[in-house]
Amino acid sequence: VTLGKKPVRAIKMDGVPWVSMPPVMPGETFQYRFTLQQSGTY
């Protein structure tokens, strides 16, 4: 799995497999780290 997050603009946290990052494999843990640049509903 990878998770795409609408307000996040850090490329390696974008969550598109093999575009911005490799997928999170079964049993693995991935740490999403990002700086928020705006508020709102996403």
PDB file of all heavy atoms in Angstrom:
ATOM      1  N   VAL A   1       0.844  -1.191   0.000  1.00  0.00           N
ATOM      2  CA  VAL A   1       0.000   0.000   0.000  1.00  0.00           C
ATOM      3  C   VAL A   1       0.880   1.243   0.000  1.00  0.00           C
ATOM      4  O   VAL A   1       2.014   1.212   0.462  1.00  0.00           O
ATOM      5  CB  VAL A   1      -0.936   0.019   1.241  1.00  0.00           C
ATOM      6  CG1 VAL A   1      -0.141   0.195   2.506  1.00  0.00           C
ATOM      7  CG2 VAL A   1      -2.004   1.107   1.129  1.00  0.00           C
ATOM      8  N   THR A   2       0.370   2.321  -0.560  1.00  0.00           N
ATOM      9  CA  THR A   2       0.909   3.654  -0.326  1.00  0.00           C
ATOM     10  C   THR A   2      -0.273   4.579  -0.156  1.00  0.00           C
ATOM     11  O   THR A   2      -1.342   4.350  -0.718  1.00  0.00           O
ATOM     12  CB  THR A   2       1.771   4.153  -1.507  1.00  0.00           C
ATOM     13  OG1 THR A   2       1.003   4.046  -2.716  1.00  0.00           O
ATOM     14  CG2 THR A   2       3.043   3.352  -1.644  1.00  0.00           C
ATOM     15  N   LEU A   3      -0.105   5.629   0.633  1.00  0.00           N
ATOM     16  CA  LEU A   3      -1.198   6.562   0.881  1.00  0.00           C
ATOM     17  C   LEU A   3      -0.893   7.899   0.225  1.00  0.00           C
ATOM     18  O   LEU A   3       0.156   8.490   0.460  1.00  0.00           O
ATOM     19  CB  LEU A   3      -1.412   6.775   2.388  1.00  0.00           C
ATOM     20  CG  LEU A   3      -1.920   5.585   3.184  1.00  0.00           C
ATOM     21  CD1 LEU A   3      -2.142   5.995   4.632  1.00  0.00           C
ATOM     22  CD2 LEU A   3      -3.205   5.031   2.595  1.00  0.00           C
ATOM     23  N   GLY A   4      -1.843   8.368  -0.599  1.00  0.00           N
ATOM     24  CA  GLY A   4      -1.765   9.702  -1.174  1.00  0.00           C
ATOM     25  C   GLY A   4      -2.546  10.665  -0.309  1.00  0.00           C
ATOM     26  O   GLY A   4      -3.670  10.375   0.084  1.00  0.00           O
ATOM     27  N   LYS A   5      -1.967  11.832  -0.003  1.00  0.00           N
ATOM     28  CA  LYS A   5      -2.599  12.786   0.900  1.00  0.00           C
ATOM     29  C   LYS A   5      -2.766  14.101   0.160  1.00  0.00           C
ATOM     30  O   LYS A   5      -1.795  14.671  -0.342  1.00  0.00           O
ATOM     31  CB  LYS A   5      -1.741  12.965   2.158  1.00  0.00           C
ATOM     32  CG  LYS A   5      -1.475  11.660   2.882  1.00  0.00           C
ATOM     33  CD  LYS A   5      -0.420  11.806   3.947  1.00  0.00           C
ATOM     34  CE  LYS A   5       0.951  12.089   3.396  1.00  0.00           C
ATOM     35  NZ  LYS A   5       1.435  11.096   2.427  1.00  0.00           N
ATOM     36  N   LYS A   6      -3.990  14.611   0.086  1.00  0.00           N
ATOM     37  CA  LYS A   6      -4.271  15.758  -0.758  1.00  0.00           C
ATOM     38  C   LYS A   6      -3.527  17.033  -0.382  1.00  0.00           C
ATOM     39  O   LYS A   6      -3.172  17.784  -1.260  1.00  0.00           O
ATOM     40  CB  LYS A   6      -5.778  16.042  -0.773  1.00  0.00           C
ATOM     41  CG  LYS A   6      -6.626  14.874  -1.261  1.00  0.00           C
ATOM     42  CD  LYS A   6      -6.277  14.458  -2.661  1.00  0.00           C
ATOM     43  CE  LYS A   6      -7.129  13.271  -3.089  1.00  0.00           C
ATOM     44  NZ  LYS A   6      -6.544  12.505  -4.174  1.00  0.00           N
ATOM     45  N   PRO A   7      -3.273  17.347   0.903  1.00  0.00           N
ATOM     46  CA  PRO A   7      -2.621  18.625   1.168  1.00  0.00           C
ATOM     47  C   PRO A   7      -1.102  18.569   1.240  1.00  0.00           C
ATOM     48  O   PRO A   7      -0.466  19.567   1.536  1.00  0.00           O
ATOM     49  CB  PRO A   7      -3.190  19.008   2.540  1.00  0.00           C
ATOM     50  CG  PRO A   7      -3.370  17.701   3.215  1.00  0.00           C
ATOM     51  CD  PRO A   7      -3.739  16.716   2.140  1.00  0.00           C
ATOM     52  N   VAL A   8      -0.496  17.401   1.009  1.00  0.00           N
ATOM     53  CA  VAL A   8       0.938  17.241   1.248  1.00  0.00           C
ATOM     54  C   VAL A   8       1.716  17.474  -0.036  1.00  0.00           C
ATOM     55  O   VAL A   8       1.381  16.941  -1.089  1.00  0.00           O
ATOM     56  CB  VAL A   8       1.236  15.842   1.816  1.00  0.00           C
ATOM     57  CG1 VAL A   8       2.726  15.611   1.933  1.00  0.00           C
ATOM     58  CG2 VAL A   8       0.569  15.691   3.174  1.00  0.00           C
ATOM     59  N   ARG A   9       2.790  18.269   0.036  1.00  0.00           N
ATOM     60  CA  ARG A   9       3.550  18.611  -1.153  1.00  0.00           C
ATOM     61  C   ARG A   9       4.988  18.119  -1.097  1.00  0.00           C
ATOM     62  O   ARG A   9       5.807  18.494  -1.923  1.00  0.00           O
ATOM     63  CB  ARG A   9       3.507  20.128  -1.365  1.00  0.00           C
ATOM     64  CG  ARG A   9       2.100  20.654  -1.468  1.00  0.00           C
ATOM     65  CD  ARG A   9       2.051  22.137  -1.728  1.00  0.00           C
ATOM     66  NE  ARG A   9       2.477  22.460  -3.084  1.00  0.00           N
ATOM     67  CZ  ARG A   9       2.501  23.697  -3.555  1.00  0.00           C
ATOM     68  NH1 ARG A   9       2.171  24.714  -2.786  1.00  0.00           N
ATOM     69  NH2 ARG A   9       2.889  23.921  -4.789  1.00  0.00           N
ATOM     70  N   ALA A  10       5.340  17.298  -0.116  1.00  0.00           N
ATOM     71  CA  ALA A  10       6.674  16.705  -0.058  1.00  0.00           C
ATOM     72  C   ALA A  10       6.677  15.483  -0.964  1.00  0.00           C
ATOM     73  O   ALA A  10       5.938  14.533  -0.728  1.00  0.00           O
ATOM     74  CB  ALA A  10       7.019  16.317   1.377  1.00  0.00           C
ATOM     75  N   ILE A  11       7.509  15.494  -2.010  1.00  0.00           N
ATOM     76  CA  ILE A  11       7.416  14.499  -3.063  1.00  0.00           C
ATOM     77  C   ILE A  11       7.572  13.072  -2.536  1.00  0.00           C
ATOM     78  O   ILE A  11       6.849  12.164  -2.938  1.00  0.00           O
ATOM     79  CB  ILE A  11       8.433  14.793  -4.188  1.00  0.00           C
ATOM     80  CG1 ILE A  11       8.335  13.753  -5.299  1.00  0.00           C
ATOM     81  CG2 ILE A  11       9.845  14.866  -3.658  1.00  0.00           C
ATOM     82  CD1 ILE A  11       7.012  13.697  -5.976  1.00  0.00           C
ATOM     83  N   LYS A  12       8.496  12.848  -1.608  1.00  0.00           N
ATOM     84  CA  LYS A  12       8.707  11.481  -1.139  1.00  0.00           C
ATOM     85  C   LYS A  12       7.629  11.021  -0.164  1.00  0.00           C
ATOM     86  O   LYS A  12       7.647   9.877   0.274  1.00  0.00           O
ATOM     87  CB  LYS A  12      10.100  11.358  -0.513  1.00  0.00           C
ATOM     88  CG  LYS A  12      11.219  11.463  -1.553  1.00  0.00           C
ATOM     89  CD  LYS A  12      12.571  11.137  -0.969  1.00  0.00           C
ATOM     90  CE  LYS A  12      13.650  11.157  -2.046  1.00  0.00           C
ATOM     91  NZ  LYS A  12      14.983  10.806  -1.507  1.00  0.00           N
ATOM     92  N   MET A  13       6.697  11.875   0.163  1.00  0.00           N
ATOM     93  CA  MET A  13       5.575  11.520   1.029  1.00  0.00           C
ATOM     94  C   MET A  13       4.260  11.472   0.243  1.00  0.00           C
ATOM     95  O   MET A  13       3.189  11.364   0.813  1.00  0.00           O
ATOM     96  CB  MET A  13       5.421  12.546   2.162  1.00  0.00           C
ATOM     97  CG  MET A  13       6.654  12.754   3.012  1.00  0.00           C
ATOM     98  SD  MET A  13       7.099  11.290   3.980  1.00  0.00           S
ATOM     99  CE  MET A  13       8.755  10.975   3.351  1.00  0.00           C
ATOM    100  N   ASP A  14       4.327  11.556  -1.077  1.00  0.00           N
ATOM    101  CA  ASP A  14       3.107  11.703  -1.878  1.00  0.00           C
ATOM    102  C   ASP A  14       2.322  10.411  -1.993  1.00  0.00           C
ATOM    103  O   ASP A  14       1.123  10.434  -2.225  1.00  0.00           O
ATOM    104  CB  ASP A  14       3.458  12.238  -3.265  1.00  0.00           C
ATOM    105  CG  ASP A  14       2.227  12.567  -4.079  1.00  0.00           C
ATOM    106  OD1 ASP A  14       1.316  13.214  -3.532  1.00  0.00           O
ATOM    107  OD2 ASP A  14       2.157  12.165  -5.253  1.00  0.00           O
ATOM    108  N   GLY A  15       2.945   9.270  -1.870  1.00  0.00           N
ATOM    109  CA  GLY A  15       2.204   8.027  -1.776  1.00  0.00           C
ATOM    110  C   GLY A  15       1.838   7.356  -3.082  1.00  0.00           C
ATOM    111  O   GLY A  15       0.950   6.501  -3.090  1.00  0.00           O
ATOM    112  N   VAL A  16       2.483   7.705  -4.198  1.00  0.00           N
ATOM    113  CA  VAL A  16       2.216   7.028  -5.467  1.00  0.00           C
ATOM    114  C   VAL A  16       3.309   5.986  -5.692  1.00  0.00           C
ATOM    115  O   VAL A  16       4.482   6.337  -5.824  1.00  0.00           O
ATOM    116  CB  VAL A  16       2.184   8.019  -6.643  1.00  0.00           C
ATOM    117  CG1 VAL A  16       1.906   7.284  -7.950  1.00  0.00           C
ATOM    118  CG2 VAL A  16       1.125   9.093  -6.397  1.00  0.00           C
ATOM    119  N   PRO A  17       2.958   4.689  -5.720  1.00  0.00           N
ATOM    120  CA  PRO A  17       3.982   3.645  -5.803  1.00  0.00           C
ATOM    121  C   PRO A  17       4.819   3.749  -7.070  1.00  0.00           C
ATOM    122  O   PRO A  17       4.298   3.909  -8.166  1.00  0.00           O
ATOM    123  CB  PRO A  17       3.173   2.341  -5.760  1.00  0.00           C
ATOM    124  CG  PRO A  17       1.793   2.718  -6.184  1.00  0.00           C
ATOM    125  CD  PRO A  17       1.592   4.125  -5.718  1.00  0.00           C
ATOM    126  N   TRP A  18       6.136   3.713  -6.887  1.00  0.00           N
ATOM    127  CA  TRP A  18       7.141   3.729  -7.938  1.00  0.00           C
ATOM    128  C   TRP A  18       7.175   5.041  -8.713  1.00  0.00           C
ATOM    129  O   TRP A  18       7.830   5.147  -9.735  1.00  0.00           O
ATOM    130  CB  TRP A  18       6.964   2.552  -8.898  1.00  0.00           C
ATOM    131  CG  TRP A  18       6.919   1.247  -8.172  1.00  0.00           C
ATOM    132  CD1 TRP A  18       5.906   0.329  -8.184  1.00  0.00           C
ATOM    133  CD2 TRP A  18       7.908   0.701  -7.288  1.00  0.00           C
ATOM    134  NE1 TRP A  18       6.193  -0.737  -7.388  1.00  0.00           N
ATOM    135  CE2 TRP A  18       7.429  -0.547  -6.820  1.00  0.00           C
ATOM    136  CE3 TRP A  18       9.158   1.151  -6.849  1.00  0.00           C
ATOM    137  CZ2 TRP A  18       8.148  -1.338  -5.940  1.00  0.00           C
ATOM    138  CZ3 TRP A  18       9.869   0.354  -5.966  1.00  0.00           C
ATOM    139  CH2 TRP A  18       9.363  -0.875  -5.529  1.00  0.00           C
ATOM    140  N   VAL A  19       6.462   6.067  -8.223  1.00  0.00           N
ATOM    141  CA  VAL A  19       6.615   7.421  -8.755  1.00  0.00           C
ATOM    142  C   VAL A  19       7.290   8.283  -7.700  1.00  0.00           C
ATOM    143  O   VAL A  19       8.356   8.847  -7.917  1.00  0.00           O
ATOM    144  CB  VAL A  19       5.262   8.033  -9.181  1.00  0.00           C
ATOM    145  CG1 VAL A  19       5.441   9.504  -9.566  1.00  0.00           C
ATOM    146  CG2 VAL A  19       4.663   7.251 -10.335  1.00  0.00           C
ATOM    147  N   SER A  20       6.665   8.370  -6.527  1.00  0.00           N
ATOM    148  CA  SER A  20       7.246   9.157  -5.445  1.00  0.00           C
ATOM    149  C   SER A  20       7.907   8.293  -4.378  1.00  0.00           C
ATOM    150  O   SER A  20       8.730   8.792  -3.608  1.00  0.00           O
ATOM    151  CB  SER A  20       6.172  10.031  -4.792  1.00  0.00           C
ATOM    152  OG  SER A  20       5.107   9.231  -4.316  1.00  0.00           O
ATOM    153  N   MET A  21       7.560   7.020  -4.321  1.00  0.00           N
ATOM    154  CA  MET A  21       8.077   6.153  -3.276  1.00  0.00           C
ATOM    155  C   MET A  21       7.747   4.711  -3.621  1.00  0.00           C
ATOM    156  O   MET A  21       6.812   4.445  -4.379  1.00  0.00           O
ATOM    157  CB  MET A  21       7.428   6.513  -1.928  1.00  0.00           C
ATOM    158  CG  MET A  21       5.906   6.400  -1.936  1.00  0.00           C
ATOM    159  SD  MET A  21       5.132   6.823  -0.370  1.00  0.00           S
ATOM    160  CE  MET A  21       5.599   5.410   0.624  1.00  0.00           C
ATOM    161  N   PRO A  22       8.490   3.743  -3.068  1.00  0.00           N
ATOM    162  CA  PRO A  22       8.094   2.346  -3.231  1.00  0.00           C
ATOM    163  C   PRO A  22       6.904   2.037  -2.335  1.00  0.00           C
ATOM    164  O   PRO A  22       6.666   2.730  -1.341  1.00  0.00           O
ATOM    165  CB  PRO A  22       9.336   1.571  -2.789  1.00  0.00           C
ATOM    166  CG  PRO A  22      10.031   2.491  -1.847  1.00  0.00           C
ATOM    167  CD  PRO A  22       9.762   3.883  -2.343  1.00  0.00           C
ATOM    168  N   PRO A  23       6.106   1.017  -2.672  1.00  0.00           N
ATOM    169  CA  PRO A  23       4.973   0.686  -1.813  1.00  0.00           C
ATOM    170  C   PRO A  23       5.422   0.139  -0.461  1.00  0.00           C
ATOM    171  O   PRO A  23       6.536  -0.373  -0.314  1.00  0.00           O
ATOM    172  CB  PRO A  23       4.232  -0.395  -2.612  1.00  0.00           C
ATOM    173  CG  PRO A  23       5.264  -0.985  -3.501  1.00  0.00           C
ATOM    174  CD  PRO A  23       6.208   0.126  -3.843  1.00  0.00           C
ATOM    175  N   VAL A  24       4.549   0.281   0.533  1.00  0.00           N
ATOM    176  CA  VAL A  24       4.799  -0.280   1.860  1.00  0.00           C
ATOM    177  C   VAL A  24       4.411  -1.754   1.799  1.00  0.00           C
ATOM    178  O   VAL A  24       3.237  -2.088   1.615  1.00  0.00           O
ATOM    179  CB  VAL A  24       3.982   0.451   2.939  1.00  0.00           C
ATOM    180  CG1 VAL A  24       4.318  -0.104   4.323  1.00  0.00           C
ATOM    181  CG2 VAL A  24       4.241   1.948   2.888  1.00  0.00           C
ATOM    182  N   MET A  25       5.372  -2.637   1.959  1.00  0.00           N
ATOM    183  CA  MET A  25       5.140  -4.066   1.786  1.00  0.00           C
ATOM    184  C   MET A  25       4.517  -4.667   3.048  1.00  0.00           C
ATOM    185  O   MET A  25       4.585  -4.078   4.135  1.00  0.00           O
ATOM    186  CB  MET A  25       6.468  -4.763   1.472  1.00  0.00           C
ATOM    187  CG  MET A  25       7.177  -4.201   0.234  1.00  0.00           C
ATOM    188  SD  MET A  25       6.168  -4.278  -1.271  1.00  0.00           S
ATOM    189  CE  MET A  25       6.190  -6.046  -1.570  1.00  0.00           C
ATOM    190  N   PRO A  26       3.901  -5.857   2.917  1.00  0.00           N
ATOM    191  CA  PRO A  26       3.312  -6.511   4.090  1.00  0.00           C
ATOM    192  C   PRO A  26       4.330  -6.668   5.216  1.00  0.00           C
ATOM    193  O   PRO A  26       5.460  -7.100   5.003  1.00  0.00           O
ATOM    194  CB  PRO A  26       2.875  -7.878   3.547  1.00  0.00           C
ATOM    195  CG  PRO A  26       2.641  -7.643   2.093  1.00  0.00           C
ATOM    196  CD  PRO A  26       3.660  -6.625   1.678  1.00  0.00           C
ATOM    197  N   GLY A  27       3.923  -6.236   6.422  1.00  0.00           N
ATOM    198  CA  GLY A  27       4.793  -6.321   7.591  1.00  0.00           C
ATOM    199  C   GLY A  27       5.713  -5.133   7.772  1.00  0.00           C
ATOM    200  O   GLY A  27       6.368  -5.021   8.811  1.00  0.00           O
ATOM    201  N   GLU A  28       5.783  -4.235   6.781  1.00  0.00           N
ATOM    202  CA  GLU A  28       6.664  -3.082   6.889  1.00  0.00           C
ATOM    203  C   GLU A  28       5.952  -1.893   7.535  1.00  0.00           C
ATOM    204  O   GLU A  28       4.730  -1.814   7.557  1.00  0.00           O
ATOM    205  CB  GLU A  28       7.158  -2.654   5.495  1.00  0.00           C
ATOM    206  CG  GLU A  28       8.140  -3.607   4.861  1.00  0.00           C
ATOM    207  CD  GLU A  28       8.686  -3.060   3.553  1.00  0.00           C
ATOM    208  OE1 GLU A  28       8.154  -2.038   3.047  1.00  0.00           O
ATOM    209  OE2 GLU A  28       9.644  -3.662   3.030  1.00  0.00           O
ATOM    210  N   THR A  29       6.755  -0.985   8.053  1.00  0.00           N
ATOM    211  CA  THR A  29       6.254   0.290   8.575  1.00  0.00           C
ATOM    212  C   THR A  29       6.944   1.419   7.823  1.00  0.00           C
ATOM    213  O   THR A  29       8.165   1.398   7.645  1.00  0.00           O
ATOM    214  CB  THR A  29       6.538   0.423  10.078  1.00  0.00           C
ATOM    215  OG1 THR A  29       5.816  -0.585  10.784  1.00  0.00           O
ATOM    216  CG2 THR A  29       6.103   1.795  10.597  1.00  0.00           C
ATOM    217  N   PHE A  30       6.157   2.372   7.372  1.00  0.00           N
ATOM    218  CA  PHE A  30       6.710   3.544   6.697  1.00  0.00           C
ATOM    219  C   PHE A  30       6.319   4.785   7.477  1.00  0.00           C
ATOM    220  O   PHE A  30       5.176   4.916   7.917  1.00  0.00           O
ATOM    221  CB  PHE A  30       6.183   3.656   5.266  1.00  0.00           C
ATOM    222  CG  PHE A  30       6.724   4.856   4.526  1.00  0.00           C
ATOM    223  CD1 PHE A  30       7.983   4.820   3.952  1.00  0.00           C
ATOM    224  CD2 PHE A  30       5.974   6.020   4.427  1.00  0.00           C
ATOM    225  CE1 PHE A  30       8.488   5.924   3.282  1.00  0.00           C
ATOM    226  CE2 PHE A  30       6.480   7.126   3.764  1.00  0.00           C
ATOM    227  CZ  PHE A  30       7.732   7.083   3.178  1.00  0.00           C
ATOM    228  N   GLN A  31       7.273   5.693   7.655  1.00  0.00           N
ATOM    229  CA  GLN A  31       7.018   6.915   8.404  1.00  0.00           C
ATOM    230  C   GLN A  31       6.801   8.070   7.434  1.00  0.00           C
ATOM    231  O   GLN A  31       7.697   8.483   6.710  1.00  0.00           O
ATOM    232  CB  GLN A  31       8.202   7.227   9.324  1.00  0.00           C
ATOM    233  CG  GLN A  31       7.932   8.405  10.259  1.00  0.00           C
ATOM    234  CD  GLN A  31       9.090   8.653  11.192  1.00  0.00           C
ATOM    235  OE1 GLN A  31      10.056   9.322  10.842  1.00  0.00           O
ATOM    236  NE2 GLN A  31       8.999   8.095  12.401  1.00  0.00           N
ATOM    237  N   TYR A  32       5.552   8.558   7.410  1.00  0.00           N
ATOM    238  CA  TYR A  32       5.239   9.751   6.619  1.00  0.00           C
ATOM    239  C   TYR A  32       5.632  10.986   7.431  1.00  0.00           C
ATOM    240  O   TYR A  32       5.198  11.155   8.568  1.00  0.00           O
ATOM    241  CB  TYR A  32       3.742   9.811   6.299  1.00  0.00           C
ATOM    242  CG  TYR A  32       3.312   8.870   5.213  1.00  0.00           C
ATOM    243  CD1 TYR A  32       2.951   7.553   5.502  1.00  0.00           C
ATOM    244  CD2 TYR A  32       3.253   9.289   3.896  1.00  0.00           C
ATOM    245  CE1 TYR A  32       2.553   6.681   4.506  1.00  0.00           C
ATOM    246  CE2 TYR A  32       2.845   8.418   2.889  1.00  0.00           C
ATOM    247  CZ  TYR A  32       2.505   7.120   3.191  1.00  0.00           C
ATOM    248  OH  TYR A  32       2.103   6.263   2.200  1.00  0.00           O
ATOM    249  N   ARG A  33       6.445  11.832   6.837  1.00  0.00           N
ATOM    250  CA  ARG A  33       6.927  13.032   7.522  1.00  0.00           C
ATOM    251  C   ARG A  33       6.735  14.215   6.572  1.00  0.00           C
ATOM    252  O   ARG A  33       7.241  14.208   5.450  1.00  0.00           O
ATOM    253  CB  ARG A  33       8.405  12.867   7.895  1.00  0.00           C
ATOM    254  CG  ARG A  33       8.970  13.998   8.743  1.00  0.00           C
ATOM    255  CD  ARG A  33      10.428  13.693   9.117  1.00  0.00           C
ATOM    256  NE  ARG A  33      11.028  14.769   9.875  1.00  0.00           N
ATOM    257  CZ  ARG A  33      10.911  14.935  11.182  1.00  0.00           C
ATOM    258  NH1 ARG A  33      10.198  14.072  11.885  1.00  0.00           N
ATOM    259  NH2 ARG A  33      11.498  15.939  11.792  1.00  0.00           N
ATOM    260  N   PHE A  34       5.999  15.217   7.020  1.00  0.00           N
ATOM    261  CA  PHE A  34       5.667  16.308   6.111  1.00  0.00           C
ATOM    262  C   PHE A  34       5.405  17.582   6.902  1.00  0.00           C
ATOM    263  O   PHE A  34       5.061  17.554   8.080  1.00  0.00           O
ATOM    264  CB  PHE A  34       4.435  15.964   5.273  1.00  0.00           C
ATOM    265  CG  PHE A  34       3.277  15.436   6.075  1.00  0.00           C
ATOM    266  CD1 PHE A  34       2.330  16.301   6.613  1.00  0.00           C
ATOM    267  CD2 PHE A  34       3.122  14.080   6.311  1.00  0.00           C
ATOM    268  CE1 PHE A  34       1.271  15.831   7.358  1.00  0.00           C
ATOM    269  CE2 PHE A  34       2.065  13.596   7.059  1.00  0.00           C
ATOM    270  CZ  PHE A  34       1.130  14.477   7.586  1.00  0.00           C
ATOM    271  N   THR A  35       5.566  18.711   6.222  1.00  0.00           N
ATOM    272  CA  THR A  35       5.284  20.019   6.788  1.00  0.00           C
ATOM    273  C   THR A  35       4.007  20.560   6.173  1.00  0.00           C
ATOM    274  O   THR A  35       3.893  20.646   4.951  1.00  0.00           O
ATOM    275  CB  THR A  35       6.437  21.001   6.510  1.00  0.00           C
ATOM    276  OG1 THR A  35       7.632  20.477   7.095  1.00  0.00           O
ATOM    277  CG2 THR A  35       6.138  22.369   7.111  1.00  0.00           C
ATOM    278  N   LEU A  36       3.058  20.914   7.012  1.00  0.00           N
ATOM    279  CA  LEU A  36       1.796  21.443   6.511  1.00  0.00           C
ATOM    280  C   LEU A  36       1.981  22.884   6.034  1.00  0.00           C
ATOM    281  O   LEU A  36       2.653  23.677   6.690  1.00  0.00           O
ATOM    282  CB  LEU A  36       0.736  21.394   7.607  1.00  0.00           C
ATOM    283  CG  LEU A  36       0.332  19.995   8.060  1.00  0.00           C
ATOM    284  CD1 LEU A  36      -0.598  20.078   9.259  1.00  0.00           C
ATOM    285  CD2 LEU A  36      -0.337  19.237   6.932  1.00  0.00           C
ATOM    286  N   GLN A  37       1.365  23.187   4.905  1.00  0.00           N
ATOM    287  CA  GLN A  37       1.490  24.525   4.344  1.00  0.00           C
ATOM    288  C   GLN A  37       0.151  25.246   4.254  1.00  0.00           C
ATOM    289  O   GLN A  37       0.107  26.406   3.856  1.00  0.00           O
ATOM    290  CB  GLN A  37       2.136  24.442   2.951  1.00  0.00           C
ATOM    291  CG  GLN A  37       3.538  23.863   2.994  1.00  0.00           C
ATOM    292  CD  GLN A  37       4.193  23.832   1.626  1.00  0.00           C
ATOM    293  OE1 GLN A  37       3.590  24.195   0.636  1.00  0.00           O
ATOM    294  NE2 GLN A  37       5.432  23.387   1.583  1.00  0.00           N
ATOM    295  N   GLN A  38      -0.929  24.558   4.579  1.00  0.00           N
ATOM    296  CA  GLN A  38      -2.240  25.196   4.554  1.00  0.00           C
ATOM    297  C   GLN A  38      -3.204  24.390   5.410  1.00  0.00           C
ATOM    298  O   GLN A  38      -2.949  23.230   5.730  1.00  0.00           O
ATOM    299  CB  GLN A  38      -2.790  25.302   3.128  1.00  0.00           C
ATOM    300  CG  GLN A  38      -3.239  24.000   2.495  1.00  0.00           C
ATOM    301  CD  GLN A  38      -2.092  23.201   1.899  1.00  0.00           C
ATOM    302  OE1 GLN A  38      -1.084  23.750   1.490  1.00  0.00           O
ATOM    303  NE2 GLN A  38      -2.260  21.903   1.857  1.00  0.00           N
ATOM    304  N   SER A  39      -4.290  25.024   5.796  1.00  0.00           N
ATOM    305  CA  SER A  39      -5.333  24.337   6.558  1.00  0.00           C
ATOM    306  C   SER A  39      -6.476  23.981   5.629  1.00  0.00           C
ATOM    307  O   SER A  39      -6.488  24.331   4.449  1.00  0.00           O
ATOM    308  CB  SER A  39      -5.824  25.239   7.695  1.00  0.00           C
ATOM    309  OG  SER A  39      -6.343  26.454   7.173  1.00  0.00           O
ATOM    310  N   GLY A  40      -7.453  23.229   6.155  1.00  0.00           N
ATOM    311  CA  GLY A  40      -8.635  22.937   5.358  1.00  0.00           C
ATOM    312  C   GLY A  40      -9.068  21.482   5.421  1.00  0.00           C
ATOM    313  O   GLY A  40      -8.528  20.669   6.172  1.00  0.00           O
ATOM    314  N   THR A  41     -10.066  21.153   4.601  1.00  0.00           N
ATOM    315  CA  THR A  41     -10.663  19.817   4.534  1.00  0.00           C
ATOM    316  C   THR A  41     -10.042  19.052   3.375  1.00  0.00           C
ATOM    317  O   THR A  41     -10.181  19.443   2.214  1.00  0.00           O
ATOM    318  CB  THR A  41     -12.183  19.925   4.334  1.00  0.00           C
ATOM    319  OG1 THR A  41     -12.750  20.659   5.428  1.00  0.00           O
ATOM    320  CG2 THR A  41     -12.820  18.545   4.264  1.00  0.00           C
ATOM    321  N   TYR A  42      -9.379  17.951   3.699  1.00  0.00           N
ATOM    322  CA  TYR A  42      -8.728  17.111   2.695  1.00  0.00           C
ATOM    323  C   TYR A  42      -9.012  15.647   3.022  1.00  0.00           C
ATOM    324  O   TYR A  42      -9.767  15.334   3.943  1.00  0.00           O
ATOM    325  CB  TYR A  42      -7.215  17.383   2.667  1.00  0.00           C
ATOM    326  CG  TYR A  42      -6.880  18.841   2.498  1.00  0.00           C
ATOM    327  CD1 TYR A  42      -6.560  19.638   3.610  1.00  0.00           C
ATOM    328  CD2 TYR A  42      -6.886  19.437   1.250  1.00  0.00           C
ATOM    329  CE1 TYR A  42      -6.269  20.980   3.461  1.00  0.00           C
ATOM    330  CE2 TYR A  42      -6.599  20.783   1.090  1.00  0.00           C
ATOM    331  CZ  TYR A  42      -6.293  21.545   2.195  1.00  0.00           C
ATOM    332  OH  TYR A  42      -6.011  22.877   2.052  1.00  0.00           O
TER     333      TYR A  42
END
